[in-house]
């Protein structure tokens, strides 16, 4: 005899499939880094533990409510057009139950959330901490180590096992600093210095992003935190300090003579200096003009300027001439802080190939 499932059995099976998909897909999505459910710091561990408690309670409530809905649909369905299901008007015991239980759950969650919030707000008092100043701008993160003057873009290197204090500020709009495996989100607000802290348990790479929509290229504001061993971090920092001590910025004089440039090195600078965040190479408009075809039009922008001189001025004095239809939002410290003569020559050589 061939088995034929009833409508009730088919409905129960469909409900089960939907439930498995609804619960399984989010689990797979959060199963690997960068996920807050794969914590890499004491702070993220507490957030993860709290989330699991809240999610477990929510799952129980979801299953209970959906189960009761399914039960009511099957048990009290109308069996004929003339039948009216029995009506229930009020049940004091039931109403008290579904009022007291949710209130108790909320109070319980409040109680267990307070220690997590206090841990976030009260960083450890230690002389072993490291302070990093974080600047958010459209669309790039800059990390400065104030005790040394060392500065990096998009990637922050830290020693594992030490508290890291971040001083966050924005140069334009509201951003949000979020590295899921290390800590929760913290807003980065113009005109206001915000703070946060975390501590990476193990060496490794931790990816993050801006978590506040800040414009069309919000998606490019990625963060990479590289945690190193104490010895490796010291070696890296010593190298950065050495290079900084021997670094002479090119300055803002556009008639400064430059050495021959290397376009290959310039291509690397185009990425490492954050030029790609605002200027595309394929004609797409991001923030500033695209670099596509720059070598042909650069020599025609200003009378008496060669293409090389125009590009030189545009980098070290970006607001001296602004292309019609754009505004000057480009950082103005490339000549005073970020590029030496060779760097600038290499970058110009690369741009002249476009």
C-alpha atoms as a PDB file:
ATOM      1  CA  UNK A   1       0.000   0.000   0.000  1.00  0.00           C
ATOM      2  CA  UNK A   2       1.425   3.351  -1.056  1.00  0.00           C
ATOM      3  CA  UNK A   3       1.844   5.902   1.735  1.00  0.00           C
ATOM      4  CA  UNK A   4       0.069   9.203   1.099  1.00  0.00           C
ATOM      5  CA  UNK A   5       0.841  11.974   3.575  1.00  0.00           C
ATOM      6  CA  UNK A   6      -2.052  13.990   4.898  1.00  0.00           C
ATOM      7  CA  UNK A   7      -2.314  17.754   4.562  1.00  0.00           C
ATOM      8  CA  UNK A   8      -1.298  18.089   8.208  1.00  0.00           C
ATOM      9  CA  UNK A   9       1.795  15.946   7.685  1.00  0.00           C
ATOM     10  CA  UNK A  10       2.776  17.911   4.557  1.00  0.00           C
ATOM     11  CA  UNK A  11       2.314  21.185   6.413  1.00  0.00           C
ATOM     12  CA  UNK A  12       4.436  19.932   9.323  1.00  0.00           C
ATOM     13  CA  UNK A  13       7.171  18.800   6.927  1.00  0.00           C
ATOM     14  CA  UNK A  14       7.186  22.159   5.108  1.00  0.00           C
ATOM     15  CA  UNK A  15       7.371  23.973   8.433  1.00  0.00           C
ATOM     16  CA  UNK A  16      10.323  21.813   9.444  1.00  0.00           C
ATOM     17  CA  UNK A  17      12.198  22.576   6.220  1.00  0.00           C
ATOM     18  CA  UNK A  18      11.591  26.317   6.602  1.00  0.00           C
ATOM     19  CA  UNK A  19      12.757  26.147  10.214  1.00  0.00           C
ATOM     20  CA  UNK A  20      15.975  24.330   9.299  1.00  0.00           C
ATOM     21  CA  UNK A  21      16.759  26.845   6.539  1.00  0.00           C
ATOM     22  CA  UNK A  22      15.890  29.854   8.736  1.00  0.00           C
ATOM     23  CA  UNK A  23      18.133  28.638  11.548  1.00  0.00           C
ATOM     24  CA  UNK A  24      20.858  27.026   9.447  1.00  0.00           C
ATOM     25  CA  UNK A  25      21.730  29.830   7.046  1.00  0.00           C
ATOM     26  CA  UNK A  26      22.529  32.428   9.755  1.00  0.00           C
ATOM     27  CA  UNK A  27      24.628  29.821  11.558  1.00  0.00           C
ATOM     28  CA  UNK A  28      26.686  29.178   8.415  1.00  0.00           C
ATOM     29  CA  UNK A  29      26.998  32.918   7.754  1.00  0.00           C
ATOM     30  CA  UNK A  30      28.499  33.543  11.206  1.00  0.00           C
ATOM     31  CA  UNK A  31      30.578  30.377  11.353  1.00  0.00           C
ATOM     32  CA  UNK A  32      33.880  31.855  10.147  1.00  0.00           C
ATOM     33  CA  UNK A  33      35.887  35.061  10.611  1.00  0.00           C
ATOM     34  CA  UNK A  34      35.325  37.945  10.535  1.00  0.00           C
ATOM     35  CA  UNK A  35      32.499  36.961  12.846  1.00  0.00           C
ATOM     36  CA  UNK A  36      31.608  38.191  16.328  1.00  0.00           C
ATOM     37  CA  UNK A  37      30.925  34.527  17.132  1.00  0.00           C
ATOM     38  CA  UNK A  38      34.630  33.727  16.642  1.00  0.00           C
ATOM     39  CA  UNK A  39      36.014  36.064  19.335  1.00  0.00           C
ATOM     40  CA  UNK A  40      39.693  36.940  19.445  1.00  0.00           C
ATOM     41  CA  UNK A  41      39.714  39.139  22.536  1.00  0.00           C
ATOM     42  CA  UNK A  42      38.302  39.168  26.093  1.00  0.00           C
ATOM     43  CA  UNK A  43      35.853  41.925  25.121  1.00  0.00           C
ATOM     44  CA  UNK A  44      34.586  40.098  22.050  1.00  0.00           C
ATOM     45  CA  UNK A  45      34.305  36.892  24.092  1.00  0.00           C
ATOM     46  CA  UNK A  46      31.899  38.564  26.527  1.00  0.00           C
ATOM     47  CA  UNK A  47      29.852  40.012  23.669  1.00  0.00           C
ATOM     48  CA  UNK A  48      29.719  36.597  22.000  1.00  0.00           C
ATOM     49  CA  UNK A  49      28.628  34.872  25.218  1.00  0.00           C
ATOM     50  CA  UNK A  50      25.894  37.462  25.768  1.00  0.00           C
ATOM     51  CA  UNK A  51      24.703  37.088  22.185  1.00  0.00           C
ATOM     52  CA  UNK A  52      24.446  33.319  22.537  1.00  0.00           C
ATOM     53  CA  UNK A  53      22.298  33.686  25.656  1.00  0.00           C
ATOM     54  CA  UNK A  54      19.984  36.193  23.955  1.00  0.00           C
ATOM     55  CA  UNK A  55      19.837  34.099  20.782  1.00  0.00           C
ATOM     56  CA  UNK A  56      19.017  30.944  22.771  1.00  0.00           C
ATOM     57  CA  UNK A  57      16.135  32.673  24.572  1.00  0.00           C
ATOM     58  CA  UNK A  58      14.895  34.116  21.274  1.00  0.00           C
ATOM     59  CA  UNK A  59      15.080  30.683  19.643  1.00  0.00           C
ATOM     60  CA  UNK A  60      13.008  29.083  22.414  1.00  0.00           C
ATOM     61  CA  UNK A  61      10.405  31.855  22.129  1.00  0.00           C
ATOM     62  CA  UNK A  62      10.380  31.560  18.331  1.00  0.00           C
ATOM     63  CA  UNK A  63       9.831  27.802  18.426  1.00  0.00           C
ATOM     64  CA  UNK A  64       7.151  28.142  21.102  1.00  0.00           C
ATOM     65  CA  UNK A  65       5.233  30.864  19.252  1.00  0.00           C
ATOM     66  CA  UNK A  66       5.515  29.194  15.851  1.00  0.00           C
ATOM     67  CA  UNK A  67       4.523  25.858  17.373  1.00  0.00           C
ATOM     68  CA  UNK A  68       1.463  27.369  19.029  1.00  0.00           C
ATOM     69  CA  UNK A  69       0.494  29.085  15.788  1.00  0.00           C
ATOM     70  CA  UNK A  70       0.789  25.802  13.891  1.00  0.00           C
ATOM     71  CA  UNK A  71      -1.154  23.984  16.599  1.00  0.00           C
ATOM     72  CA  UNK A  72      -3.936  26.599  16.544  1.00  0.00           C
ATOM     73  CA  UNK A  73      -4.127  26.528  12.737  1.00  0.00           C
ATOM     74  CA  UNK A  74      -4.559  22.748  12.737  1.00  0.00           C
ATOM     75  CA  UNK A  75      -6.557  22.226  15.923  1.00  0.00           C
ATOM     76  CA  UNK A  76      -9.038  25.075  15.568  1.00  0.00           C
ATOM     77  CA  UNK A  77      -9.385  25.329  11.813  1.00  0.00           C
ATOM     78  CA  UNK A  78     -12.870  25.641  10.404  1.00  0.00           C
ATOM     79  CA  UNK A  79     -14.042  22.240   9.150  1.00  0.00           C
ATOM     80  CA  UNK A  80     -17.024  23.485   7.159  1.00  0.00           C
ATOM     81  CA  UNK A  81     -18.342  26.770   5.798  1.00  0.00           C
ATOM     82  CA  UNK A  82     -21.134  26.900   8.384  1.00  0.00           C
ATOM     83  CA  UNK A  83     -18.973  26.153  11.391  1.00  0.00           C
ATOM     84  CA  UNK A  84     -17.746  28.909  13.706  1.00  0.00           C
ATOM     85  CA  UNK A  85     -14.777  27.884  15.926  1.00  0.00           C
ATOM     86  CA  UNK A  86     -15.300  28.275  19.653  1.00  0.00           C
ATOM     87  CA  UNK A  87     -14.325  31.778  20.782  1.00  0.00           C
ATOM     88  CA  UNK A  88     -12.353  32.564  23.910  1.00  0.00           C
ATOM     89  CA  UNK A  89     -12.729  36.034  25.385  1.00  0.00           C
ATOM     90  CA  UNK A  90      -9.985  36.759  27.915  1.00  0.00           C
ATOM     91  CA  UNK A  91      -8.032  34.531  30.266  1.00  0.00           C
ATOM     92  CA  UNK A  92      -6.583  36.298  33.278  1.00  0.00           C
ATOM     93  CA  UNK A  93      -4.102  33.558  34.153  1.00  0.00           C
ATOM     94  CA  UNK A  94      -2.806  33.394  30.564  1.00  0.00           C
ATOM     95  CA  UNK A  95      -2.488  37.164  30.252  1.00  0.00           C
ATOM     96  CA  UNK A  96      -0.591  37.378  33.531  1.00  0.00           C
ATOM     97  CA  UNK A  97       1.709  34.595  32.369  1.00  0.00           C
ATOM     98  CA  UNK A  98       2.656  36.214  29.066  1.00  0.00           C
ATOM     99  CA  UNK A  99       3.217  39.528  30.860  1.00  0.00           C
ATOM    100  CA  UNK A 100       5.297  38.274  33.795  1.00  0.00           C
ATOM    101  CA  UNK A 101       7.546  35.885  31.849  1.00  0.00           C
ATOM    102  CA  UNK A 102       8.718  38.456  29.209  1.00  0.00           C
ATOM    103  CA  UNK A 103       9.256  41.026  31.972  1.00  0.00           C
ATOM    104  CA  UNK A 104      11.377  38.526  33.871  1.00  0.00           C
ATOM    105  CA  UNK A 105      13.390  37.731  30.749  1.00  0.00           C
ATOM    106  CA  UNK A 106      14.060  41.421  30.095  1.00  0.00           C
ATOM    107  CA  UNK A 107      15.140  42.030  33.690  1.00  0.00           C
ATOM    108  CA  UNK A 108      17.424  39.005  33.554  1.00  0.00           C
ATOM    109  CA  UNK A 109      19.017  40.172  30.290  1.00  0.00           C
ATOM    110  CA  UNK A 110      19.510  43.645  31.768  1.00  0.00           C
ATOM    111  CA  UNK A 111      21.299  42.177  34.773  1.00  0.00           C
ATOM    112  CA  UNK A 112      23.713  40.035  32.722  1.00  0.00           C
ATOM    113  CA  UNK A 113      24.336  42.854  30.231  1.00  0.00           C
ATOM    114  CA  UNK A 114      25.579  45.348  32.834  1.00  0.00           C
ATOM    115  CA  UNK A 115      28.906  43.523  33.515  1.00  0.00           C
ATOM    116  CA  UNK A 116      29.594  43.313  29.764  1.00  0.00           C
ATOM    117  CA  UNK A 117      28.985  47.045  29.354  1.00  0.00           C
ATOM    118  CA  UNK A 118      31.137  47.852  32.372  1.00  0.00           C
ATOM    119  CA  UNK A 119      33.962  45.753  30.943  1.00  0.00           C
ATOM    120  CA  UNK A 120      33.717  47.741  27.710  1.00  0.00           C
ATOM    121  CA  UNK A 121      33.646  51.094  29.491  1.00  0.00           C
ATOM    122  CA  UNK A 122      36.292  50.419  32.162  1.00  0.00           C
ATOM    123  CA  UNK A 123      39.560  49.459  30.464  1.00  0.00           C
ATOM    124  CA  UNK A 124      42.278  47.857  32.584  1.00  0.00           C
ATOM    125  CA  UNK A 125      44.639  50.254  34.323  1.00  0.00           C
ATOM    126  CA  UNK A 126      48.064  49.119  33.235  1.00  0.00           C
ATOM    127  CA  UNK A 127      51.379  50.533  32.114  1.00  0.00           C
ATOM    128  CA  UNK A 128      51.574  47.867  29.421  1.00  0.00           C
ATOM    129  CA  UNK A 129      48.939  49.430  27.158  1.00  0.00           C
ATOM    130  CA  UNK A 130      49.426  50.951  23.703  1.00  0.00           C
ATOM    131  CA  UNK A 131      47.583  54.057  22.474  1.00  0.00           C
ATOM    132  CA  UNK A 132      46.673  54.453  18.805  1.00  0.00           C
ATOM    133  CA  UNK A 133      44.956  57.484  17.304  1.00  0.00           C
ATOM    134  CA  UNK A 134      42.398  56.518  14.658  1.00  0.00           C
ATOM    135  CA  UNK A 135      41.238  59.016  12.035  1.00  0.00           C
ATOM    136  CA  UNK A 136      38.278  58.216   9.816  1.00  0.00           C
ATOM    137  CA  UNK A 137      37.754  60.031   6.540  1.00  0.00           C
ATOM    138  CA  UNK A 138      35.951  59.350   3.287  1.00  0.00           C
ATOM    139  CA  UNK A 139      37.006  56.632   2.604  1.00  0.00           C
ATOM    140  CA  UNK A 140      40.035  55.574   4.554  1.00  0.00           C
ATOM    141  CA  UNK A 141      41.324  54.860   8.048  1.00  0.00           C
ATOM    142  CA  UNK A 142      44.586  56.315   9.323  1.00  0.00           C
ATOM    143  CA  UNK A 143      46.339  54.923  12.394  1.00  0.00           C
ATOM    144  CA  UNK A 144      48.893  57.035  14.259  1.00  0.00           C
ATOM    145  CA  UNK A 145      51.121  55.880  17.120  1.00  0.00           C
ATOM    146  CA  UNK A 146      51.507  59.177  19.011  1.00  0.00           C
ATOM    147  CA  UNK A 147      54.574  58.208  21.045  1.00  0.00           C
ATOM    148  CA  UNK A 148      56.559  57.576  17.864  1.00  0.00           C
ATOM    149  CA  UNK A 149      54.887  59.622  15.127  1.00  0.00           C
ATOM    150  CA  UNK A 150      54.519  56.482  13.004  1.00  0.00           C
ATOM    151  CA  UNK A 151      51.396  56.456  10.830  1.00  0.00           C
ATOM    152  CA  UNK A 152      49.790  53.765   8.670  1.00  0.00           C
ATOM    153  CA  UNK A 153      46.763  53.609   6.365  1.00  0.00           C
ATOM    154  CA  UNK A 154      44.010  50.965   6.493  1.00  0.00           C
ATOM    155  CA  UNK A 155      46.160  48.488   8.453  1.00  0.00           C
ATOM    156  CA  UNK A 156      46.853  48.786  12.174  1.00  0.00           C
ATOM    157  CA  UNK A 157      49.609  46.653  13.668  1.00  0.00           C
ATOM    158  CA  UNK A 158      49.434  45.871  17.369  1.00  0.00           C
ATOM    159  CA  UNK A 159      51.151  43.575  19.876  1.00  0.00           C
ATOM    160  CA  UNK A 160      49.058  40.577  20.935  1.00  0.00           C
ATOM    161  CA  UNK A 161      48.274  40.235  24.635  1.00  0.00           C
ATOM    162  CA  UNK A 162      48.408  43.977  25.400  1.00  0.00           C
ATOM    163  CA  UNK A 163      45.475  46.372  25.905  1.00  0.00           C
ATOM    164  CA  UNK A 164      45.104  48.703  22.919  1.00  0.00           C
ATOM    165  CA  UNK A 165      43.478  52.094  23.577  1.00  0.00           C
ATOM    166  CA  UNK A 166      41.979  53.817  20.546  1.00  0.00           C
ATOM    167  CA  UNK A 167      41.307  57.540  20.307  1.00  0.00           C
ATOM    168  CA  UNK A 168      38.854  57.966  17.447  1.00  0.00           C
ATOM    169  CA  UNK A 169      37.866  61.068  15.509  1.00  0.00           C
ATOM    170  CA  UNK A 170      36.485  61.885  12.069  1.00  0.00           C
ATOM    171  CA  UNK A 171      37.548  64.547   9.589  1.00  0.00           C
ATOM    172  CA  UNK A 172      34.238  64.669   7.716  1.00  0.00           C
ATOM    173  CA  UNK A 173      31.114  62.593   8.434  1.00  0.00           C
ATOM    174  CA  UNK A 174      30.058  59.981  10.994  1.00  0.00           C
ATOM    175  CA  UNK A 175      31.887  56.666  10.648  1.00  0.00           C
ATOM    176  CA  UNK A 176      31.843  53.606  12.904  1.00  0.00           C
ATOM    177  CA  UNK A 177      34.878  51.516  13.832  1.00  0.00           C
ATOM    178  CA  UNK A 178      34.123  47.800  14.027  1.00  0.00           C
ATOM    179  CA  UNK A 179      36.422  44.798  14.150  1.00  0.00           C
ATOM    180  CA  UNK A 180      33.938  42.018  15.056  1.00  0.00           C
ATOM    181  CA  UNK A 181      36.463  39.577  16.520  1.00  0.00           C
ATOM    182  CA  UNK A 182      37.999  42.187  18.812  1.00  0.00           C
ATOM    183  CA  UNK A 183      35.236  44.467  20.074  1.00  0.00           C
ATOM    184  CA  UNK A 184      31.857  46.055  19.475  1.00  0.00           C
ATOM    185  CA  UNK A 185      31.144  49.052  17.276  1.00  0.00           C
ATOM    186  CA  UNK A 186      32.151  52.573  18.266  1.00  0.00           C
ATOM    187  CA  UNK A 187      30.991  55.669  16.398  1.00  0.00           C
ATOM    188  CA  UNK A 188      33.623  58.020  14.976  1.00  0.00           C
ATOM    189  CA  UNK A 189      32.081  61.484  15.050  1.00  0.00           C
ATOM    190  CA  UNK A 190      33.374  64.786  13.631  1.00  0.00           C
ATOM    191  CA  UNK A 191      34.105  67.322  16.343  1.00  0.00           C
ATOM    192  CA  UNK A 192      34.116  64.691  19.097  1.00  0.00           C
ATOM    193  CA  UNK A 193      36.893  62.387  20.292  1.00  0.00           C
ATOM    194  CA  UNK A 194      35.543  58.944  21.118  1.00  0.00           C
ATOM    195  CA  UNK A 195      37.469  56.109  22.773  1.00  0.00           C
ATOM    196  CA  UNK A 196      37.460  52.326  22.911  1.00  0.00           C
ATOM    197  CA  UNK A 197      39.831  49.506  23.784  1.00  0.00           C
ATOM    198  CA  UNK A 198      40.484  45.859  23.008  1.00  0.00           C
ATOM    199  CA  UNK A 199      43.164  43.232  23.390  1.00  0.00           C
ATOM    200  CA  UNK A 200      43.969  40.574  20.792  1.00  0.00           C
ATOM    201  CA  UNK A 201      44.499  37.215  22.490  1.00  0.00           C
ATOM    202  CA  UNK A 202      46.629  35.678  19.742  1.00  0.00           C
ATOM    203  CA  UNK A 203      48.770  36.883  16.827  1.00  0.00           C
ATOM    204  CA  UNK A 204      46.859  36.946  13.564  1.00  0.00           C
ATOM    205  CA  UNK A 205      44.823  39.108  11.208  1.00  0.00           C
ATOM    206  CA  UNK A 206      41.449  40.523  12.205  1.00  0.00           C
ATOM    207  CA  UNK A 207      39.283  42.156   9.553  1.00  0.00           C
ATOM    208  CA  UNK A 208      36.805  44.944  10.153  1.00  0.00           C
ATOM    209  CA  UNK A 209      34.934  47.725   8.425  1.00  0.00           C
ATOM    210  CA  UNK A 210      33.136  51.006   8.835  1.00  0.00           C
ATOM    211  CA  UNK A 211      29.702  50.102  10.214  1.00  0.00           C
ATOM    212  CA  UNK A 212      28.000  53.443   9.557  1.00  0.00           C
ATOM    213  CA  UNK A 213      26.917  54.396   6.036  1.00  0.00           C
ATOM    214  CA  UNK A 214      29.168  57.337   5.195  1.00  0.00           C
ATOM    215  CA  UNK A 215      28.693  57.833   1.462  1.00  0.00           C
ATOM    216  CA  UNK A 216      28.740  56.012  -1.859  1.00  0.00           C
ATOM    217  CA  UNK A 217      32.116  54.398  -1.220  1.00  0.00           C
ATOM    218  CA  UNK A 218      31.349  53.354   2.329  1.00  0.00           C
ATOM    219  CA  UNK A 219      32.121  49.765   1.309  1.00  0.00           C
ATOM    220  CA  UNK A 220      35.787  50.622   0.705  1.00  0.00           C
ATOM    221  CA  UNK A 221      36.414  51.638   4.335  1.00  0.00           C
ATOM    222  CA  UNK A 222      37.868  48.300   5.357  1.00  0.00           C
ATOM    223  CA  UNK A 223      40.057  47.732   8.405  1.00  0.00           C
ATOM    224  CA  UNK A 224      42.827  45.227   8.935  1.00  0.00           C
ATOM    225  CA  UNK A 225      44.260  44.706  12.403  1.00  0.00           C
ATOM    226  CA  UNK A 226      47.437  42.629  12.417  1.00  0.00           C
ATOM    227  CA  UNK A 227      48.382  41.340  15.847  1.00  0.00           C
ATOM    228  CA  UNK A 228      52.066  40.428  16.194  1.00  0.00           C
ATOM    229  CA  UNK A 229      54.128  38.802  18.886  1.00  0.00           C
ATOM    230  CA  UNK A 230      55.855  41.245  21.221  1.00  0.00           C
ATOM    231  CA  UNK A 231      59.207  40.653  19.512  1.00  0.00           C
ATOM    232  CA  UNK A 232      57.800  41.020  15.981  1.00  0.00           C
ATOM    233  CA  UNK A 233      55.917  44.188  16.905  1.00  0.00           C
ATOM    234  CA  UNK A 234      59.058  45.741  18.390  1.00  0.00           C
ATOM    235  CA  UNK A 235      61.026  44.841  15.259  1.00  0.00           C
ATOM    236  CA  UNK A 236      58.353  46.368  13.030  1.00  0.00           C
ATOM    237  CA  UNK A 237      58.050  49.534  15.124  1.00  0.00           C
ATOM    238  CA  UNK A 238      61.823  49.983  15.302  1.00  0.00           C
ATOM    239  CA  UNK A 239      61.974  49.739  11.514  1.00  0.00           C
ATOM    240  CA  UNK A 240      59.175  52.302  11.133  1.00  0.00           C
ATOM    241  CA  UNK A 241      60.871  54.701  13.552  1.00  0.00           C
ATOM    242  CA  UNK A 242      64.193  54.286  11.733  1.00  0.00           C
ATOM    243  CA  UNK A 243      62.599  55.006   8.361  1.00  0.00           C
ATOM    244  CA  UNK A 244      60.733  57.973   9.813  1.00  0.00           C
ATOM    245  CA  UNK A 245      63.940  59.423  11.258  1.00  0.00           C
ATOM    246  CA  UNK A 246      65.518  59.270   7.797  1.00  0.00           C
ATOM    247  CA  UNK A 247      62.431  60.552   6.023  1.00  0.00           C
ATOM    248  CA  UNK A 248      62.474  64.044   4.534  1.00  0.00           C
ATOM    249  CA  UNK A 249      59.113  65.167   3.151  1.00  0.00           C
ATOM    250  CA  UNK A 250      59.202  66.653  -0.318  1.00  0.00           C
ATOM    251  CA  UNK A 251      57.386  69.818   0.780  1.00  0.00           C
ATOM    252  CA  UNK A 252      54.858  71.905  -1.123  1.00  0.00           C
ATOM    253  CA  UNK A 253      57.166  73.727  -3.544  1.00  0.00           C
ATOM    254  CA  UNK A 254      56.047  72.474  -6.948  1.00  0.00           C
ATOM    255  CA  UNK A 255      59.349  73.487  -8.563  1.00  0.00           C
ATOM    256  CA  UNK A 256      61.384  71.125  -6.359  1.00  0.00           C
ATOM    257  CA  UNK A 257      63.533  68.968  -8.616  1.00  0.00           C
ATOM    258  CA  UNK A 258      62.600  65.282  -8.435  1.00  0.00           C
ATOM    259  CA  UNK A 259      64.654  62.165  -9.215  1.00  0.00           C
ATOM    260  CA  UNK A 260      63.616  59.773 -12.003  1.00  0.00           C
ATOM    261  CA  UNK A 261      60.407  57.946 -11.062  1.00  0.00           C
ATOM    262  CA  UNK A 262      59.524  54.266 -11.172  1.00  0.00           C
ATOM    263  CA  UNK A 263      55.942  53.541 -12.317  1.00  0.00           C
ATOM    264  CA  UNK A 264      55.911  50.098 -10.685  1.00  0.00           C
ATOM    265  CA  UNK A 265      56.692  51.538  -7.273  1.00  0.00           C
ATOM    266  CA  UNK A 266      54.202  54.303  -8.012  1.00  0.00           C
ATOM    267  CA  UNK A 267      51.449  51.732  -8.596  1.00  0.00           C
ATOM    268  CA  UNK A 268      52.091  50.356  -5.108  1.00  0.00           C
ATOM    269  CA  UNK A 269      51.964  53.890  -3.662  1.00  0.00           C
ATOM    270  CA  UNK A 270      48.641  54.503  -5.454  1.00  0.00           C
ATOM    271  CA  UNK A 271      47.178  51.784  -3.239  1.00  0.00           C
ATOM    272  CA  UNK A 272      49.165  52.208  -0.021  1.00  0.00           C
ATOM    273  CA  UNK A 273      48.660  55.985   0.128  1.00  0.00           C
ATOM    274  CA  UNK A 274      44.909  55.593  -0.296  1.00  0.00           C
ATOM    275  CA  UNK A 275      44.644  57.244  -3.736  1.00  0.00           C
ATOM    276  CA  UNK A 276      42.446  54.369  -4.910  1.00  0.00           C
ATOM    277  CA  UNK A 277      39.816  55.296  -2.321  1.00  0.00           C
ATOM    278  CA  UNK A 278      38.954  58.484  -4.216  1.00  0.00           C
ATOM    279  CA  UNK A 279      40.382  58.132  -7.746  1.00  0.00           C
ATOM    280  CA  UNK A 280      39.609  55.188 -10.018  1.00  0.00           C
ATOM    281  CA  UNK A 281      41.671  53.994 -12.979  1.00  0.00           C
ATOM    282  CA  UNK A 282      38.713  52.934 -15.133  1.00  0.00           C
ATOM    283  CA  UNK A 283      36.739  56.142 -15.583  1.00  0.00           C
ATOM    284  CA  UNK A 284      34.389  55.557 -12.656  1.00  0.00           C
ATOM    285  CA  UNK A 285      33.784  58.683 -10.597  1.00  0.00           C
ATOM    286  CA  UNK A 286      34.295  58.091  -6.879  1.00  0.00           C
ATOM    287  CA  UNK A 287      35.140  61.303  -5.021  1.00  0.00           C
ATOM    288  CA  UNK A 288      37.722  62.956  -7.222  1.00  0.00           C
ATOM    289  CA  UNK A 289      38.272  62.730 -10.968  1.00  0.00           C
ATOM    290  CA  UNK A 290      39.231  59.348 -12.383  1.00  0.00           C
ATOM    291  CA  UNK A 291      42.888  58.892 -13.339  1.00  0.00           C
ATOM    292  CA  UNK A 292      41.891  57.264 -16.619  1.00  0.00           C
ATOM    293  CA  UNK A 293      43.362  59.387 -19.428  1.00  0.00           C
ATOM    294  CA  UNK A 294      45.174  61.662 -16.959  1.00  0.00           C
ATOM    295  CA  UNK A 295      48.390  61.716 -18.990  1.00  0.00           C
ATOM    296  CA  UNK A 296      46.538  63.265 -21.954  1.00  0.00           C
ATOM    297  CA  UNK A 297      44.546  65.921 -20.116  1.00  0.00           C
ATOM    298  CA  UNK A 298      46.977  66.880 -17.305  1.00  0.00           C
ATOM    299  CA  UNK A 299      49.073  69.063 -19.631  1.00  0.00           C
ATOM    300  CA  UNK A 300      46.022  71.056 -20.717  1.00  0.00           C
ATOM    301  CA  UNK A 301      44.529  71.867 -17.306  1.00  0.00           C
ATOM    302  CA  UNK A 302      46.543  75.010 -16.529  1.00  0.00           C
ATOM    303  CA  UNK A 303      48.324  77.280 -19.033  1.00  0.00           C
ATOM    304  CA  UNK A 304      52.084  76.932 -18.861  1.00  0.00           C
ATOM    305  CA  UNK A 305      51.964  73.687 -16.903  1.00  0.00           C
ATOM    306  CA  UNK A 306      53.360  70.410 -18.153  1.00  0.00           C
ATOM    307  CA  UNK A 307      51.567  67.205 -17.224  1.00  0.00           C
ATOM    308  CA  UNK A 308      54.269  66.413 -14.653  1.00  0.00           C
ATOM    309  CA  UNK A 309      54.032  69.854 -13.033  1.00  0.00           C
ATOM    310  CA  UNK A 310      50.245  69.749 -12.915  1.00  0.00           C
ATOM    311  CA  UNK A 311      50.222  66.334 -11.220  1.00  0.00           C
ATOM    312  CA  UNK A 312      52.973  67.459  -8.832  1.00  0.00           C
ATOM    313  CA  UNK A 313      50.901  70.461  -7.756  1.00  0.00           C
ATOM    314  CA  UNK A 314      47.699  68.400  -7.505  1.00  0.00           C
ATOM    315  CA  UNK A 315      49.359  66.090  -4.974  1.00  0.00           C
ATOM    316  CA  UNK A 316      51.208  68.551  -2.733  1.00  0.00           C
ATOM    317  CA  UNK A 317      48.779  71.490  -3.156  1.00  0.00           C
ATOM    318  CA  UNK A 318      45.492  69.700  -3.898  1.00  0.00           C
ATOM    319  CA  UNK A 319      43.297  72.767  -3.395  1.00  0.00           C
ATOM    320  CA  UNK A 320      45.349  75.072  -5.641  1.00  0.00           C
ATOM    321  CA  UNK A 321      43.274  74.018  -8.645  1.00  0.00           C
ATOM    322  CA  UNK A 322      39.984  72.106  -8.355  1.00  0.00           C
ATOM    323  CA  UNK A 323      38.440  70.510 -11.419  1.00  0.00           C
ATOM    324  CA  UNK A 324      34.997  71.906 -12.191  1.00  0.00           C
ATOM    325  CA  UNK A 325      32.249  69.815 -10.622  1.00  0.00           C
ATOM    326  CA  UNK A 326      34.385  68.642  -7.692  1.00  0.00           C
ATOM    327  CA  UNK A 327      35.273  70.006  -4.258  1.00  0.00           C
ATOM    328  CA  UNK A 328      38.629  69.850  -2.503  1.00  0.00           C
ATOM    329  CA  UNK A 329      38.414  67.099   0.116  1.00  0.00           C
ATOM    330  CA  UNK A 330      41.835  65.588  -0.524  1.00  0.00           C
ATOM    331  CA  UNK A 331      44.264  65.478   2.450  1.00  0.00           C
ATOM    332  CA  UNK A 332      46.784  68.303   2.167  1.00  0.00           C
ATOM    333  CA  UNK A 333      49.677  66.662   3.996  1.00  0.00           C
ATOM    334  CA  UNK A 334      51.123  64.461   1.250  1.00  0.00           C
ATOM    335  CA  UNK A 335      53.940  66.927   0.701  1.00  0.00           C
ATOM    336  CA  UNK A 336      54.526  67.774   4.351  1.00  0.00           C
ATOM    337  CA  UNK A 337      54.183  64.342   5.959  1.00  0.00           C
ATOM    338  CA  UNK A 338      53.618  61.406   3.633  1.00  0.00           C
ATOM    339  CA  UNK A 339      55.838  61.599   0.546  1.00  0.00           C
ATOM    340  CA  UNK A 340      59.509  62.226  -0.015  1.00  0.00           C
ATOM    341  CA  UNK A 341      61.044  63.188  -3.367  1.00  0.00           C
ATOM    342  CA  UNK A 342      61.399  59.616  -4.589  1.00  0.00           C
ATOM    343  CA  UNK A 343      57.872  58.636  -3.528  1.00  0.00           C
ATOM    344  CA  UNK A 344      56.403  61.615  -5.325  1.00  0.00           C
ATOM    345  CA  UNK A 345      58.469  60.956  -8.451  1.00  0.00           C
ATOM    346  CA  UNK A 346      57.336  57.315  -8.489  1.00  0.00           C
ATOM    347  CA  UNK A 347      53.688  58.269  -8.048  1.00  0.00           C
ATOM    348  CA  UNK A 348      53.870  60.854 -10.838  1.00  0.00           C
ATOM    349  CA  UNK A 349      55.545  58.286 -13.115  1.00  0.00           C
ATOM    350  CA  UNK A 350      52.680  55.873 -12.513  1.00  0.00           C
ATOM    351  CA  UNK A 351      49.973  58.484 -13.093  1.00  0.00           C
ATOM    352  CA  UNK A 352      51.611  59.489 -16.367  1.00  0.00           C
ATOM    353  CA  UNK A 353      51.014  55.932 -17.614  1.00  0.00           C
ATOM    354  CA  UNK A 354      47.254  56.344 -17.272  1.00  0.00           C
END
